[in-house]
Amino acid sequence: MDQRPSDTPYSYSSFDQYPPSMPPAPARTNGKSIASLVLGILAVVVPYIGFIMGIVAIVLSSLSLKEIKRTNEQGKGLSIAGLVCGIIGTVLYGMIILLVVIFAVAYSSTEMYSNF
């Protein structure tokens, strides 16, 4: 028997019956973890309201870590970074506020005694 290629321009195999599959969609990143990172960075950088932003970043990052465990979303690293930056910003501006209060009390007490 003569073994000639078929007359059709395309040969079909078992692999050609179905179109190639699409790659799986990437996992979603948790929005709260992104927000906690942004607020944590702002807590370190922005003066005066950095204390409040740091507290909000800490709360959002703890909520996002719980959500990530429950839903298997991505963003655990972002959430941890937001938590660290939020803690640093809160402690930094908390110490600054504490020093300002101490100096204000010390200044007012020395002024009272200098009048005698």
Protein backbone atom coordinates (compact mmCIF):
# COMPACT_ATOMS: atom_id res chain seq x y z
CA MET A 1 0.00 0.00 0.00
CA ASP A 2 1.05 3.45 -0.75
CA GLN A 3 1.64 5.64 2.32
CA ARG A 4 1.00 9.13 1.02
CA PRO A 5 0.06 12.09 3.21
CA SER A 6 -3.59 12.90 3.09
CA ASP A 7 -4.82 15.33 0.55
CA THR A 8 -6.15 17.72 3.19
CA PRO A 9 -3.82 20.56 4.16
CA TYR A 10 -4.38 19.97 7.88
CA SER A 11 -4.04 16.78 9.78
CA TYR A 12 -6.07 16.37 12.92
CA SER A 13 -4.86 14.65 16.00
CA SER A 14 -6.54 14.02 19.31
CA PHE A 15 -4.94 17.20 20.69
CA ASP A 16 -6.42 19.42 17.99
CA GLN A 17 -10.04 18.66 18.81
CA TYR A 18 -10.29 21.32 21.52
CA PRO A 19 -9.00 24.88 21.48
CA PRO A 20 -6.09 25.64 23.83
CA SER A 21 -7.26 26.35 27.32
CA MET A 22 -6.94 29.78 28.87
CA PRO A 23 -4.47 30.20 31.72
CA PRO A 24 -6.12 30.45 35.13
CA ALA A 25 -7.06 33.92 36.26
CA PRO A 26 -4.71 35.35 38.89
CA ALA A 27 -6.02 35.42 42.43
CA ARG A 28 -7.54 38.71 43.55
CA THR A 29 -5.62 40.98 45.88
CA ASN A 30 -7.48 42.02 48.99
CA GLY A 31 -8.46 45.69 48.79
CA LYS A 32 -8.15 46.26 52.52
CA SER A 33 -4.53 45.13 52.44
CA ILE A 34 -3.74 47.69 49.74
CA ALA A 35 -5.52 50.40 51.74
CA SER A 36 -3.66 49.43 54.91
CA LEU A 37 -0.31 49.68 53.12
CA VAL A 38 -1.15 53.10 51.68
CA LEU A 39 -2.36 54.41 55.04
CA GLY A 40 0.62 52.87 56.82
CA ILE A 41 3.06 54.66 54.51
CA LEU A 42 1.12 57.90 54.88
CA ALA A 43 1.19 57.45 58.66
CA VAL A 44 4.98 57.60 58.59
CA VAL A 45 5.24 60.42 56.05
CA VAL A 46 2.36 62.82 56.77
CA PRO A 47 2.78 64.99 59.87
CA TYR A 48 0.02 65.86 62.34
CA ILE A 49 -2.56 63.29 61.17
CA GLY A 50 -0.10 60.39 60.92
CA PHE A 51 -1.17 59.15 64.35
CA ILE A 52 -4.79 58.67 63.22
CA MET A 53 -3.77 57.18 59.86
CA GLY A 54 -1.52 54.70 61.66
CA ILE A 55 -4.38 53.52 63.85
CA VAL A 56 -6.65 53.08 60.82
CA ALA A 57 -3.86 51.19 58.99
CA ILE A 58 -3.46 48.81 61.94
CA VAL A 59 -7.20 48.11 62.05
CA LEU A 60 -7.46 47.60 58.28
CA SER A 61 -4.45 45.29 58.14
CA SER A 62 -5.78 43.10 60.93
CA LEU A 63 -9.16 42.87 59.18
CA SER A 64 -7.51 42.06 55.86
CA LEU A 65 -5.35 39.31 57.39
CA LYS A 66 -8.50 37.63 58.71
CA GLU A 67 -10.21 38.01 55.33
CA ILE A 68 -7.20 36.62 53.46
CA LYS A 69 -7.22 33.49 55.62
CA ARG A 70 -10.94 33.01 55.00
CA THR A 71 -11.08 33.72 51.24
CA ASN A 72 -7.55 32.71 50.07
CA GLU A 73 -7.00 36.05 48.38
CA GLN A 74 -3.58 37.53 47.80
CA GLY A 75 -2.11 40.49 49.69
CA LYS A 76 -0.76 39.01 52.89
CA GLY A 77 2.60 40.74 52.40
CA LEU A 78 0.91 44.06 51.71
CA SER A 79 -1.15 43.68 54.84
CA ILE A 80 1.88 42.88 57.00
CA ALA A 81 3.77 45.84 55.54
CA GLY A 82 0.78 48.09 56.26
CA LEU A 83 0.66 46.78 59.82
CA VAL A 84 4.37 47.48 60.38
CA CYS A 85 4.21 50.96 58.84
CA GLY A 86 1.05 51.74 60.80
CA ILE A 87 2.69 50.69 64.07
CA ILE A 88 5.83 52.72 63.30
CA GLY A 89 3.78 55.80 62.37
CA THR A 90 1.57 55.51 65.44
CA VAL A 91 4.50 55.06 67.82
CA LEU A 92 6.51 57.83 66.16
CA TYR A 93 3.77 60.44 66.28
CA GLY A 94 2.58 59.19 69.67
CA MET A 95 6.05 59.90 71.08
CA ILE A 96 6.11 63.32 69.42
CA ILE A 97 2.71 64.19 70.90
CA LEU A 98 3.86 62.96 74.31
CA LEU A 99 7.03 65.07 74.14
CA VAL A 100 5.05 68.17 73.15
CA VAL A 101 2.69 67.65 76.09
CA ILE A 102 5.62 67.13 78.50
CA PHE A 103 7.40 70.26 77.26
CA ALA A 104 4.17 72.29 77.45
CA VAL A 105 3.56 71.19 81.03
CA ALA A 106 7.20 71.82 81.97
CA TYR A 107 7.19 75.26 80.36
CA SER A 108 3.95 76.28 82.04
CA SER A 109 5.16 75.13 85.46
CA THR A 110 8.47 77.04 85.18
CA GLU A 111 6.63 80.20 84.16
CA MET A 112 4.45 79.99 87.23
CA TYR A 113 7.41 79.79 89.59
CA SER A 114 9.37 82.55 87.82
CA ASN A 115 6.73 85.19 88.73
CA PHE A 116 7.69 85.16 92.43
